[in-house]
C-alpha atoms as a PDB file:
ATOM      1  CA  UNK A   1    -178.962 -85.095  30.402  1.00  0.00           C
ATOM      2  CA  UNK A   2    -178.441 -86.998  27.169  1.00  0.00           C
ATOM      3  CA  UNK A   3    -179.626 -90.528  26.462  1.00  0.00           C
ATOM      4  CA  UNK A   4    -178.006 -92.035  23.392  1.00  0.00           C
ATOM      5  CA  UNK A   5    -178.179 -95.614  22.181  1.00  0.00           C
ATOM      6  CA  UNK A   6    -176.618 -97.015  19.027  1.00  0.00           C
ATOM      7  CA  UNK A   7    -176.820-100.482  17.548  1.00  0.00           C
ATOM      8  CA  UNK A   8    -174.261-100.515  14.759  1.00  0.00           C
ATOM      9  CA  UNK A   9    -173.164-103.266  12.386  1.00  0.00           C
ATOM     10  CA  UNK A  10    -171.139-102.081   9.420  1.00  0.00           C
ATOM     11  CA  UNK A  11    -170.576-104.197   6.343  1.00  0.00           C
ATOM     12  CA  UNK A  12    -170.350-104.100   2.569  1.00  0.00           C
ATOM     13  CA  UNK A  13    -171.833-106.639   0.176  1.00  0.00           C
ATOM     14  CA  UNK A  14    -172.720-107.038  -3.457  1.00  0.00           C
ATOM     15  CA  UNK A  15    -176.184-106.034  -4.591  1.00  0.00           C
ATOM     16  CA  UNK A  16    -178.692-108.668  -3.562  1.00  0.00           C
ATOM     17  CA  UNK A  17    -176.175-110.469  -1.344  1.00  0.00           C
ATOM     18  CA  UNK A  18    -177.207-110.866   2.306  1.00  0.00           C
ATOM     19  CA  UNK A  19    -174.738-109.299   4.724  1.00  0.00           C
ATOM     20  CA  UNK A  20    -173.147-111.673   7.209  1.00  0.00           C
ATOM     21  CA  UNK A  21    -173.845-111.273  10.888  1.00  0.00           C
ATOM     22  CA  UNK A  22    -170.984-110.003  12.975  1.00  0.00           C
ATOM     23  CA  UNK A  23    -169.246-106.750  13.836  1.00  0.00           C
ATOM     24  CA  UNK A  24    -166.226-104.608  13.200  1.00  0.00           C
ATOM     25  CA  UNK A  25    -163.344-103.764  15.474  1.00  0.00           C
ATOM     26  CA  UNK A  26    -161.938-100.264  15.765  1.00  0.00           C
ATOM     27  CA  UNK A  27    -159.459-100.902  12.963  1.00  0.00           C
ATOM     28  CA  UNK A  28    -162.139-101.887  10.456  1.00  0.00           C
ATOM     29  CA  UNK A  29    -161.367-105.624  10.447  1.00  0.00           C
ATOM     30  CA  UNK A  30    -164.333-107.962  10.410  1.00  0.00           C
ATOM     31  CA  UNK A  31    -165.122-109.607  13.713  1.00  0.00           C
ATOM     32  CA  UNK A  32    -166.433-113.144  13.969  1.00  0.00           C
ATOM     33  CA  UNK A  33    -170.173-113.649  14.213  1.00  0.00           C
ATOM     34  CA  UNK A  34    -171.486-114.822  17.547  1.00  0.00           C
ATOM     35  CA  UNK A  35    -171.864-118.532  18.130  1.00  0.00           C
ATOM     36  CA  UNK A  36    -174.753-119.936  16.150  1.00  0.00           C
ATOM     37  CA  UNK A  37    -174.907-116.860  13.905  1.00  0.00           C
ATOM     38  CA  UNK A  38    -177.914-114.719  13.097  1.00  0.00           C
ATOM     39  CA  UNK A  39    -180.343-115.610  10.334  1.00  0.00           C
ATOM     40  CA  UNK A  40    -179.937-113.353   7.318  1.00  0.00           C
ATOM     41  CA  UNK A  41    -183.617-112.441   7.310  1.00  0.00           C
ATOM     42  CA  UNK A  42    -183.612-111.489  10.985  1.00  0.00           C
ATOM     43  CA  UNK A  43    -180.181-109.981  11.558  1.00  0.00           C
ATOM     44  CA  UNK A  44    -181.573-106.435  11.788  1.00  0.00           C
ATOM     45  CA  UNK A  45    -183.830-107.594  14.615  1.00  0.00           C
ATOM     46  CA  UNK A  46    -181.613-110.070  16.396  1.00  0.00           C
ATOM     47  CA  UNK A  47    -182.170-108.121  19.604  1.00  0.00           C
ATOM     48  CA  UNK A  48    -185.614-106.674  18.969  1.00  0.00           C
ATOM     49  CA  UNK A  49    -189.052-108.292  18.758  1.00  0.00           C
ATOM     50  CA  UNK A  50    -192.190-106.987  17.017  1.00  0.00           C
ATOM     51  CA  UNK A  51    -193.635-104.028  18.832  1.00  0.00           C
ATOM     52  CA  UNK A  52    -190.164-102.632  19.674  1.00  0.00           C
ATOM     53  CA  UNK A  53    -189.764-105.154  22.488  1.00  0.00           C
ATOM     54  CA  UNK A  54    -186.067-105.456  23.432  1.00  0.00           C
ATOM     55  CA  UNK A  55    -184.561-108.947  23.514  1.00  0.00           C
ATOM     56  CA  UNK A  56    -180.973-108.399  24.594  1.00  0.00           C
ATOM     57  CA  UNK A  57    -180.861-111.340  26.984  1.00  0.00           C
ATOM     58  CA  UNK A  58    -180.844-111.375  30.749  1.00  0.00           C
ATOM     59  CA  UNK A  59    -177.365-110.142  31.653  1.00  0.00           C
ATOM     60  CA  UNK A  60    -174.079-108.830  30.286  1.00  0.00           C
ATOM     61  CA  UNK A  61    -171.793-108.994  33.262  1.00  0.00           C
ATOM     62  CA  UNK A  62    -171.750-105.673  35.137  1.00  0.00           C
ATOM     63  CA  UNK A  63    -173.092-103.721  32.155  1.00  0.00           C
ATOM     64  CA  UNK A  64    -176.693-102.576  32.016  1.00  0.00           C
ATOM     65  CA  UNK A  65    -178.506-103.996  29.005  1.00  0.00           C
ATOM     66  CA  UNK A  66    -180.156-101.653  26.497  1.00  0.00           C
ATOM     67  CA  UNK A  67    -183.713-100.876  27.475  1.00  0.00           C
ATOM     68  CA  UNK A  68    -185.230-100.082  24.059  1.00  0.00           C
ATOM     69  CA  UNK A  69    -184.976-100.921  20.373  1.00  0.00           C
ATOM     70  CA  UNK A  70    -186.663-100.344  17.008  1.00  0.00           C
ATOM     71  CA  UNK A  71    -188.129-103.277  15.076  1.00  0.00           C
ATOM     72  CA  UNK A  72    -187.418-102.748  11.389  1.00  0.00           C
ATOM     73  CA  UNK A  73    -188.893-105.706   9.509  1.00  0.00           C
ATOM     74  CA  UNK A  74    -191.451-104.590   6.946  1.00  0.00           C
ATOM     75  CA  UNK A  75    -194.084-106.724   8.661  1.00  0.00           C
ATOM     76  CA  UNK A  76    -193.751-104.449  11.666  1.00  0.00           C
ATOM     77  CA  UNK A  77    -194.237-101.235   9.678  1.00  0.00           C
ATOM     78  CA  UNK A  78    -197.580-101.831   7.930  1.00  0.00           C
ATOM     79  CA  UNK A  79    -198.880 -99.545   5.212  1.00  0.00           C
ATOM     80  CA  UNK A  80    -201.863-101.517   3.960  1.00  0.00           C
ATOM     81  CA  UNK A  81    -203.876 -98.646   2.538  1.00  0.00           C
ATOM     82  CA  UNK A  82    -203.893 -97.339  -1.012  1.00  0.00           C
ATOM     83  CA  UNK A  83    -200.777 -96.421  -3.004  1.00  0.00           C
ATOM     84  CA  UNK A  84    -200.318 -93.023  -4.630  1.00  0.00           C
ATOM     85  CA  UNK A  85    -198.332 -93.495  -7.843  1.00  0.00           C
ATOM     86  CA  UNK A  86    -196.508 -90.235  -8.425  1.00  0.00           C
ATOM     87  CA  UNK A  87    -196.407 -89.296 -12.101  1.00  0.00           C
ATOM     88  CA  UNK A  88    -193.166 -88.309 -13.798  1.00  0.00           C
ATOM     89  CA  UNK A  89    -192.760 -84.620 -13.004  1.00  0.00           C
ATOM     90  CA  UNK A  90    -195.398 -84.917 -10.278  1.00  0.00           C
ATOM     91  CA  UNK A  91    -195.575 -82.882  -7.079  1.00  0.00           C
ATOM     92  CA  UNK A  92    -193.886 -84.917  -4.351  1.00  0.00           C
ATOM     93  CA  UNK A  93    -194.626 -82.364  -1.630  1.00  0.00           C
ATOM     94  CA  UNK A  94    -198.327 -82.439  -2.474  1.00  0.00           C
ATOM     95  CA  UNK A  95    -198.245 -86.230  -2.290  1.00  0.00           C
ATOM     96  CA  UNK A  96    -196.630 -86.040   1.160  1.00  0.00           C
ATOM     97  CA  UNK A  97    -199.128 -83.438   2.331  1.00  0.00           C
ATOM     98  CA  UNK A  98    -202.081 -85.494   1.111  1.00  0.00           C
ATOM     99  CA  UNK A  99    -200.883 -88.913   2.291  1.00  0.00           C
ATOM    100  CA  UNK A 100    -202.844 -90.557   5.067  1.00  0.00           C
ATOM    101  CA  UNK A 101    -201.314 -92.809   7.687  1.00  0.00           C
ATOM    102  CA  UNK A 102    -201.155 -96.334   6.287  1.00  0.00           C
ATOM    103  CA  UNK A 103    -200.620 -95.278   2.666  1.00  0.00           C
ATOM    104  CA  UNK A 104    -197.659 -95.580   0.262  1.00  0.00           C
ATOM    105  CA  UNK A 105    -196.174 -93.121  -2.220  1.00  0.00           C
ATOM    106  CA  UNK A 106    -194.492 -94.843  -5.179  1.00  0.00           C
ATOM    107  CA  UNK A 107    -192.017 -92.677  -7.133  1.00  0.00           C
ATOM    108  CA  UNK A 108    -191.111 -93.632 -10.720  1.00  0.00           C
ATOM    109  CA  UNK A 109    -187.499 -94.703 -11.133  1.00  0.00           C
ATOM    110  CA  UNK A 110    -187.290 -93.937 -14.846  1.00  0.00           C
ATOM    111  CA  UNK A 111    -188.786 -90.940 -16.664  1.00  0.00           C
ATOM    112  CA  UNK A 112    -187.810 -88.840 -19.649  1.00  0.00           C
ATOM    113  CA  UNK A 113    -184.448 -87.088 -19.432  1.00  0.00           C
ATOM    114  CA  UNK A 114    -186.172 -83.810 -18.524  1.00  0.00           C
ATOM    115  CA  UNK A 115    -188.012 -85.428 -15.585  1.00  0.00           C
ATOM    116  CA  UNK A 116    -185.548 -88.038 -14.394  1.00  0.00           C
ATOM    117  CA  UNK A 117    -184.545 -86.089 -11.279  1.00  0.00           C
ATOM    118  CA  UNK A 118    -186.917 -84.808  -8.617  1.00  0.00           C
ATOM    119  CA  UNK A 119    -185.331 -81.636  -7.314  1.00  0.00           C
ATOM    120  CA  UNK A 120    -186.374 -79.746  -4.224  1.00  0.00           C
ATOM    121  CA  UNK A 121    -186.575 -79.733  -0.459  1.00  0.00           C
ATOM    122  CA  UNK A 122    -189.486 -81.821   0.821  1.00  0.00           C
ATOM    123  CA  UNK A 123    -190.994 -81.655   4.292  1.00  0.00           C
ATOM    124  CA  UNK A 124    -192.264 -84.748   6.104  1.00  0.00           C
ATOM    125  CA  UNK A 125    -195.414 -83.526   7.870  1.00  0.00           C
ATOM    126  CA  UNK A 126    -196.347 -84.619  11.380  1.00  0.00           C
ATOM    127  CA  UNK A 127    -199.481 -86.673  10.805  1.00  0.00           C
ATOM    128  CA  UNK A 128    -199.543 -88.389  14.210  1.00  0.00           C
ATOM    129  CA  UNK A 129    -199.405 -91.864  12.687  1.00  0.00           C
ATOM    130  CA  UNK A 130    -199.045 -95.009  14.792  1.00  0.00           C
ATOM    131  CA  UNK A 131    -197.353 -98.405  14.767  1.00  0.00           C
ATOM    132  CA  UNK A 132    -200.120 -99.947  12.656  1.00  0.00           C
ATOM    133  CA  UNK A 133    -200.280 -97.157  10.071  1.00  0.00           C
ATOM    134  CA  UNK A 134    -196.939 -96.132   8.570  1.00  0.00           C
ATOM    135  CA  UNK A 135    -196.342 -93.997   5.487  1.00  0.00           C
ATOM    136  CA  UNK A 136    -193.989 -95.555   2.937  1.00  0.00           C
ATOM    137  CA  UNK A 137    -192.071 -93.542   0.335  1.00  0.00           C
ATOM    138  CA  UNK A 138    -190.601 -95.994  -2.146  1.00  0.00           C
ATOM    139  CA  UNK A 139    -189.389 -96.685  -5.659  1.00  0.00           C
ATOM    140  CA  UNK A 140    -191.996 -98.019  -8.038  1.00  0.00           C
ATOM    141  CA  UNK A 141    -189.474-100.769  -8.878  1.00  0.00           C
ATOM    142  CA  UNK A 142    -189.238-102.473  -5.479  1.00  0.00           C
ATOM    143  CA  UNK A 143    -190.745-105.632  -6.931  1.00  0.00           C
ATOM    144  CA  UNK A 144    -188.825-105.538 -10.228  1.00  0.00           C
ATOM    145  CA  UNK A 145    -186.218-108.118 -11.204  1.00  0.00           C
ATOM    146  CA  UNK A 146    -182.816-107.172  -9.799  1.00  0.00           C
ATOM    147  CA  UNK A 147    -184.097-104.924  -7.038  1.00  0.00           C
ATOM    148  CA  UNK A 148    -182.333-105.847  -3.774  1.00  0.00           C
ATOM    149  CA  UNK A 149    -184.666-107.912  -1.640  1.00  0.00           C
ATOM    150  CA  UNK A 150    -185.450-106.943   1.917  1.00  0.00           C
ATOM    151  CA  UNK A 151    -182.594-107.758   4.309  1.00  0.00           C
ATOM    152  CA  UNK A 152    -179.928-107.303   1.595  1.00  0.00           C
ATOM    153  CA  UNK A 153    -177.591-104.375   1.039  1.00  0.00           C
ATOM    154  CA  UNK A 154    -178.525-101.925  -1.717  1.00  0.00           C
ATOM    155  CA  UNK A 155    -175.581-101.253  -4.024  1.00  0.00           C
ATOM    156  CA  UNK A 156    -174.924 -98.517  -6.612  1.00  0.00           C
ATOM    157  CA  UNK A 157    -175.724-101.196  -9.206  1.00  0.00           C
ATOM    158  CA  UNK A 158    -179.375-100.228  -8.571  1.00  0.00           C
ATOM    159  CA  UNK A 159    -178.719 -96.709  -9.888  1.00  0.00           C
ATOM    160  CA  UNK A 160    -176.916 -98.042 -12.966  1.00  0.00           C
ATOM    161  CA  UNK A 161    -173.448 -97.542 -11.464  1.00  0.00           C
ATOM    162  CA  UNK A 162    -171.293-100.672 -11.914  1.00  0.00           C
ATOM    163  CA  UNK A 163    -168.363 -98.869 -10.245  1.00  0.00           C
ATOM    164  CA  UNK A 164    -167.552 -95.693  -8.314  1.00  0.00           C
ATOM    165  CA  UNK A 165    -164.472 -93.535  -8.806  1.00  0.00           C
ATOM    166  CA  UNK A 166    -162.086 -93.825  -5.879  1.00  0.00           C
ATOM    167  CA  UNK A 167    -163.766 -96.850  -4.281  1.00  0.00           C
ATOM    168  CA  UNK A 168    -163.004-100.584  -4.336  1.00  0.00           C
ATOM    169  CA  UNK A 169    -164.687-102.668  -6.990  1.00  0.00           C
ATOM    170  CA  UNK A 170    -167.932-104.430  -6.180  1.00  0.00           C
ATOM    171  CA  UNK A 171    -169.798-107.086  -8.100  1.00  0.00           C
ATOM    172  CA  UNK A 172    -173.002-106.290 -10.000  1.00  0.00           C
ATOM    173  CA  UNK A 173    -175.316-109.025 -11.192  1.00  0.00           C
ATOM    174  CA  UNK A 174    -176.772-106.248 -13.319  1.00  0.00           C
ATOM    175  CA  UNK A 175    -176.430-102.451 -13.417  1.00  0.00           C
ATOM    176  CA  UNK A 176    -179.783-100.839 -14.124  1.00  0.00           C
ATOM    177  CA  UNK A 177    -181.707 -97.829 -12.854  1.00  0.00           C
ATOM    178  CA  UNK A 178    -184.209 -99.061 -10.289  1.00  0.00           C
ATOM    179  CA  UNK A 179    -184.303 -96.081  -7.937  1.00  0.00           C
ATOM    180  CA  UNK A 180    -185.640 -92.544  -8.442  1.00  0.00           C
ATOM    181  CA  UNK A 181    -183.182 -89.762  -7.698  1.00  0.00           C
ATOM    182  CA  UNK A 182    -184.257 -87.132  -5.180  1.00  0.00           C
ATOM    183  CA  UNK A 183    -181.875 -84.203  -5.489  1.00  0.00           C
ATOM    184  CA  UNK A 184    -181.530 -81.382  -2.968  1.00  0.00           C
ATOM    185  CA  UNK A 185    -182.041 -78.069  -4.741  1.00  0.00           C
ATOM    186  CA  UNK A 186    -179.191 -76.331  -2.955  1.00  0.00           C
ATOM    187  CA  UNK A 187    -180.798 -73.007  -2.039  1.00  0.00           C
ATOM    188  CA  UNK A 188    -179.691 -72.167   1.494  1.00  0.00           C
ATOM    189  CA  UNK A 189    -178.321 -75.692   2.084  1.00  0.00           C
ATOM    190  CA  UNK A 190    -181.711 -77.358   2.532  1.00  0.00           C
ATOM    191  CA  UNK A 191    -182.205 -81.059   3.015  1.00  0.00           C
ATOM    192  CA  UNK A 192    -183.832 -83.186   0.347  1.00  0.00           C
ATOM    193  CA  UNK A 193    -186.095 -84.404   3.135  1.00  0.00           C
ATOM    194  CA  UNK A 194    -186.719 -82.275   6.213  1.00  0.00           C
ATOM    195  CA  UNK A 195    -188.796 -83.731   9.020  1.00  0.00           C
ATOM    196  CA  UNK A 196    -191.251 -81.387  10.692  1.00  0.00           C
ATOM    197  CA  UNK A 197    -191.228 -81.422  14.481  1.00  0.00           C
ATOM    198  CA  UNK A 198    -192.809 -84.656  15.642  1.00  0.00           C
ATOM    199  CA  UNK A 199    -192.943 -86.294  12.194  1.00  0.00           C
ATOM    200  CA  UNK A 200    -193.272 -90.010  12.758  1.00  0.00           C
ATOM    201  CA  UNK A 201    -193.732 -93.472  11.252  1.00  0.00           C
ATOM    202  CA  UNK A 202    -192.171 -92.972   7.813  1.00  0.00           C
ATOM    203  CA  UNK A 203    -190.373 -95.759   5.933  1.00  0.00           C
ATOM    204  CA  UNK A 204    -188.177 -94.948   2.903  1.00  0.00           C
ATOM    205  CA  UNK A 205    -187.438 -97.845   0.549  1.00  0.00           C
ATOM    206  CA  UNK A 206    -185.232 -97.872  -2.538  1.00  0.00           C
ATOM    207  CA  UNK A 207    -184.455 -94.197  -3.191  1.00  0.00           C
ATOM    208  CA  UNK A 208    -181.334 -92.389  -4.365  1.00  0.00           C
ATOM    209  CA  UNK A 209    -180.899 -89.193  -2.325  1.00  0.00           C
ATOM    210  CA  UNK A 210    -178.179 -87.001  -3.803  1.00  0.00           C
ATOM    211  CA  UNK A 211    -176.427 -83.641  -3.813  1.00  0.00           C
ATOM    212  CA  UNK A 212    -176.265 -81.881  -7.217  1.00  0.00           C
ATOM    213  CA  UNK A 213    -172.841 -81.470  -8.781  1.00  0.00           C
ATOM    214  CA  UNK A 214    -172.787 -77.655  -8.670  1.00  0.00           C
ATOM    215  CA  UNK A 215    -173.781 -77.050  -5.038  1.00  0.00           C
ATOM    216  CA  UNK A 216    -171.788 -76.978  -1.819  1.00  0.00           C
ATOM    217  CA  UNK A 217    -173.954 -78.229   1.045  1.00  0.00           C
ATOM    218  CA  UNK A 218    -172.592 -77.670   4.517  1.00  0.00           C
ATOM    219  CA  UNK A 219    -175.977 -77.712   6.241  1.00  0.00           C
ATOM    220  CA  UNK A 220    -177.530 -80.343   8.474  1.00  0.00           C
ATOM    221  CA  UNK A 221    -177.742 -83.066   5.848  1.00  0.00           C
ATOM    222  CA  UNK A 222    -179.395 -84.501   2.773  1.00  0.00           C
ATOM    223  CA  UNK A 223    -181.964 -85.760   5.260  1.00  0.00           C
ATOM    224  CA  UNK A 224    -182.529 -83.640   8.357  1.00  0.00           C
ATOM    225  CA  UNK A 225    -184.406 -85.118  11.312  1.00  0.00           C
ATOM    226  CA  UNK A 226    -183.072 -82.648  13.872  1.00  0.00           C
ATOM    227  CA  UNK A 227    -186.422 -80.966  14.547  1.00  0.00           C
ATOM    228  CA  UNK A 228    -187.364 -84.096  16.449  1.00  0.00           C
ATOM    229  CA  UNK A 229    -188.638 -87.053  14.389  1.00  0.00           C
ATOM    230  CA  UNK A 230    -189.677 -90.480  15.670  1.00  0.00           C
ATOM    231  CA  UNK A 231    -189.894 -93.948  14.104  1.00  0.00           C
ATOM    232  CA  UNK A 232    -188.214 -93.267  10.754  1.00  0.00           C
ATOM    233  CA  UNK A 233    -186.655 -96.136   8.756  1.00  0.00           C
ATOM    234  CA  UNK A 234    -184.319 -95.820   5.761  1.00  0.00           C
ATOM    235  CA  UNK A 235    -184.253 -99.203   4.029  1.00  0.00           C
ATOM    236  CA  UNK A 236    -182.052 -99.931   0.987  1.00  0.00           C
ATOM    237  CA  UNK A 237    -181.295 -96.246   0.369  1.00  0.00           C
ATOM    238  CA  UNK A 238    -178.366 -94.942  -1.715  1.00  0.00           C
ATOM    239  CA  UNK A 239    -177.438 -91.489  -0.423  1.00  0.00           C
ATOM    240  CA  UNK A 240    -174.384 -89.568  -1.513  1.00  0.00           C
ATOM    241  CA  UNK A 241    -172.657 -86.273  -2.117  1.00  0.00           C
ATOM    242  CA  UNK A 242    -170.956 -85.301  -5.346  1.00  0.00           C
ATOM    243  CA  UNK A 243    -168.700 -87.749  -7.141  1.00  0.00           C
ATOM    244  CA  UNK A 244    -165.309 -87.648  -5.461  1.00  0.00           C
ATOM    245  CA  UNK A 245    -162.764 -86.019  -7.755  1.00  0.00           C
ATOM    246  CA  UNK A 246    -159.465 -85.736  -5.898  1.00  0.00           C
ATOM    247  CA  UNK A 247    -156.509 -86.311  -8.236  1.00  0.00           C
ATOM    248  CA  UNK A 248    -153.126 -86.662  -6.567  1.00  0.00           C
ATOM    249  CA  UNK A 249    -150.121 -84.528  -7.460  1.00  0.00           C
ATOM    250  CA  UNK A 250    -147.092 -85.807  -5.585  1.00  0.00           C
ATOM    251  CA  UNK A 251    -148.171 -86.027  -1.951  1.00  0.00           C
ATOM    252  CA  UNK A 252    -151.034 -83.558  -2.369  1.00  0.00           C
ATOM    253  CA  UNK A 253    -154.644 -84.362  -3.211  1.00  0.00           C
ATOM    254  CA  UNK A 254    -156.537 -81.538  -4.933  1.00  0.00           C
ATOM    255  CA  UNK A 255    -160.296 -82.069  -4.888  1.00  0.00           C
ATOM    256  CA  UNK A 256    -162.530 -80.221  -7.306  1.00  0.00           C
ATOM    257  CA  UNK A 257    -165.707 -81.688  -5.808  1.00  0.00           C
ATOM    258  CA  UNK A 258    -167.703 -79.383  -3.549  1.00  0.00           C
ATOM    259  CA  UNK A 259    -168.404 -79.897   0.151  1.00  0.00           C
ATOM    260  CA  UNK A 260    -171.179 -82.223   1.287  1.00  0.00           C
ATOM    261  CA  UNK A 261    -171.092 -82.344   5.054  1.00  0.00           C
ATOM    262  CA  UNK A 262    -173.809 -84.764   6.146  1.00  0.00           C
ATOM    263  CA  UNK A 263    -175.912 -87.551   4.744  1.00  0.00           C
ATOM    264  CA  UNK A 264    -178.579 -88.262   7.356  1.00  0.00           C
ATOM    265  CA  UNK A 265    -178.704 -85.963  10.393  1.00  0.00           C
ATOM    266  CA  UNK A 266    -180.046 -88.002  13.313  1.00  0.00           C
ATOM    267  CA  UNK A 267    -179.650 -85.517  16.171  1.00  0.00           C
ATOM    268  CA  UNK A 268    -182.744 -85.032  18.350  1.00  0.00           C
ATOM    269  CA  UNK A 269    -184.544 -87.939  16.660  1.00  0.00           C
ATOM    270  CA  UNK A 270    -185.805 -91.101  18.349  1.00  0.00           C
ATOM    271  CA  UNK A 271    -186.125 -94.673  17.087  1.00  0.00           C
ATOM    272  CA  UNK A 272    -184.497 -94.152  13.706  1.00  0.00           C
ATOM    273  CA  UNK A 273    -182.887 -96.913  11.623  1.00  0.00           C
ATOM    274  CA  UNK A 274    -180.632 -96.785   8.556  1.00  0.00           C
ATOM    275  CA  UNK A 275    -180.503-100.375   7.306  1.00  0.00           C
ATOM    276  CA  UNK A 276    -179.032-102.124   4.258  1.00  0.00           C
ATOM    277  CA  UNK A 277    -178.161 -98.745   2.743  1.00  0.00           C
ATOM    278  CA  UNK A 278    -175.002 -97.226   1.249  1.00  0.00           C
ATOM    279  CA  UNK A 279    -173.786 -93.682   1.950  1.00  0.00           C
ATOM    280  CA  UNK A 280    -170.737 -92.297   0.167  1.00  0.00           C
ATOM    281  CA  UNK A 281    -168.955 -89.157  -1.093  1.00  0.00           C
ATOM    282  CA  UNK A 282    -169.414 -87.055   2.022  1.00  0.00           C
ATOM    283  CA  UNK A 283    -166.342 -84.861   2.376  1.00  0.00           C
ATOM    284  CA  UNK A 284    -165.210 -81.280   3.004  1.00  0.00           C
ATOM    285  CA  UNK A 285    -162.441 -80.583   0.454  1.00  0.00           C
ATOM    286  CA  UNK A 286    -163.229 -76.872  -0.009  1.00  0.00           C
ATOM    287  CA  UNK A 287    -163.115 -75.960   3.668  1.00  0.00           C
ATOM    288  CA  UNK A 288    -166.758 -75.050   4.107  1.00  0.00           C
ATOM    289  CA  UNK A 289    -166.980 -77.713   6.815  1.00  0.00           C
ATOM    290  CA  UNK A 290    -164.393 -79.374   9.029  1.00  0.00           C
ATOM    291  CA  UNK A 291    -165.707 -82.929   9.139  1.00  0.00           C
ATOM    292  CA  UNK A 292    -168.327 -84.984   7.334  1.00  0.00           C
ATOM    293  CA  UNK A 293    -170.577 -87.920   8.115  1.00  0.00           C
ATOM    294  CA  UNK A 294    -172.729 -90.382   6.206  1.00  0.00           C
ATOM    295  CA  UNK A 295    -175.010 -90.531   9.242  1.00  0.00           C
ATOM    296  CA  UNK A 296    -174.459 -88.371  12.294  1.00  0.00           C
ATOM    297  CA  UNK A 297    -176.073 -87.997  15.691  1.00  0.00           C
ATOM    298  CA  UNK A 298    -175.356 -88.122  19.381  1.00  0.00           C
ATOM    299  CA  UNK A 299    -173.853 -84.661  19.549  1.00  0.00           C
ATOM    300  CA  UNK A 300    -175.080 -81.597  21.385  1.00  0.00           C
ATOM    301  CA  UNK A 301    -177.520 -81.591  24.279  1.00  0.00           C
ATOM    302  CA  UNK A 302    -180.469 -83.208  22.508  1.00  0.00           C
ATOM    303  CA  UNK A 303    -182.168 -86.454  23.462  1.00  0.00           C
ATOM    304  CA  UNK A 304    -181.112 -88.989  20.784  1.00  0.00           C
ATOM    305  CA  UNK A 305    -181.924 -92.682  20.373  1.00  0.00           C
ATOM    306  CA  UNK A 306    -182.630 -95.408  19.757  1.00  0.00           C
ATOM    307  CA  UNK A 307    -180.476 -95.192  16.580  1.00  0.00           C
ATOM    308  CA  UNK A 308    -179.741 -98.313  14.531  1.00  0.00           C
ATOM    309  CA  UNK A 309    -177.214 -98.139  11.692  1.00  0.00           C
ATOM    310  CA  UNK A 310    -176.706-101.470  10.015  1.00  0.00           C
END
């Protein structure tokens, strides 16, 4: 038996601009927000109260209402302990291994050219944390000028990208590097972040998670939660494959970019949210995979949900 629940609201907005409440029909056209609208600061939790208490109303005709949710506001994911400030060139895995529930790990967004990318495959240990003691992994620039505030969409402007090849234009108030880049090292298609079985109560804030330009990754994803993670939140994350390079010759597109199959692999995970983030450049032009996904789950025989992608 599979139990899968999704709460999905897709939208695109300029950096720092709150995303309007509403939905999308199957053809990608914006649907009108419900009567009265949803406050910008609470739209992620319009149907969920603190403590993961569902608030979907009393009835929806003959349909059964969802029975669970994940509350994603930062006030509901406390990490009030000390902060470990990772040094440029520091050991991220050691910081993860040594972190206690309730602590934060702050990763520098800007280092020297030789240290400006953190490369590797990092495991999220199972530390048996709880709802009052989360572990945060965040940029050290989350309180800097120009960093997208909570409840607003992170844009590539925050990684000093005022535009992206092959994508529509978007508006940048400023383009500056405010996020550290975590780059998968490519050996054996590993994830940048791999959750150990039972890993729980991690919140990621303001990171760039990327595939290096020379590697073809057809594995489970840049982030792999398929061992069975619980209560994981990705907030204002920019995650992407290689820059799309697909020039057209006549009616044929010839892509030189390598395969990047998955962004965030959600299968077998429970209570996971991807909010106010931007995933792009996931494609299979070289034939190493047949389809690609920015965030994927709900396939196979695993027990998935609740999954919120907003």
